[in-house]
Amino acid sequence: LGVGIYLSWTLGNGVLELRLAYRRIDEARQILAMEQSRGEELKRKWVEIQTPEYLEKVARNDLNMQKEGETVVVMGRTLELKNSRTQEQEDVDEPNWQKWLNLLR
C-alpha cells in the first residue's frame, strides 16, 4: 500500500513538472517568434536606411545640408489671434470642432 501511494505521488509530481516544462517551452516559443519578427523588421529598416534616397532625406531634413548650387529657404509658421480673448475663454466658449476650423482657416 505504501509503495502504491509513493508511486502515485511520484507520478503526480512528474506530470506536474512535465506540464510546467511544456508551459515554459510554449512561452519561449512565443518570445522567439516575437524576437524573430522584430529582427525581420529591423532588417527591413536597415535596408531602407541604406538607400541613397533615405540618406539624402536625412541630410536635408535633419542635418540642414544642401547640394551645391541650391539655396535653402526656411519658412516659419505664425498664428495670429483673431481677437483679444484669452485662451481660457476660448476653451470655454467654443466647441473643439470650431477651434480646429478656426485654426485651419
Foldseek 3Di string as FASTA:
>chain_A
DVVVVVVVVVVVVVVVVVVVVVVVVVVVVVVVVVVVVVVVVVVVVVVVCVDPVNVVVCCCPVVVDDDPPDDDDDDDDDDDDPDDDDPVVCVVPDDPVVVVVVVVD
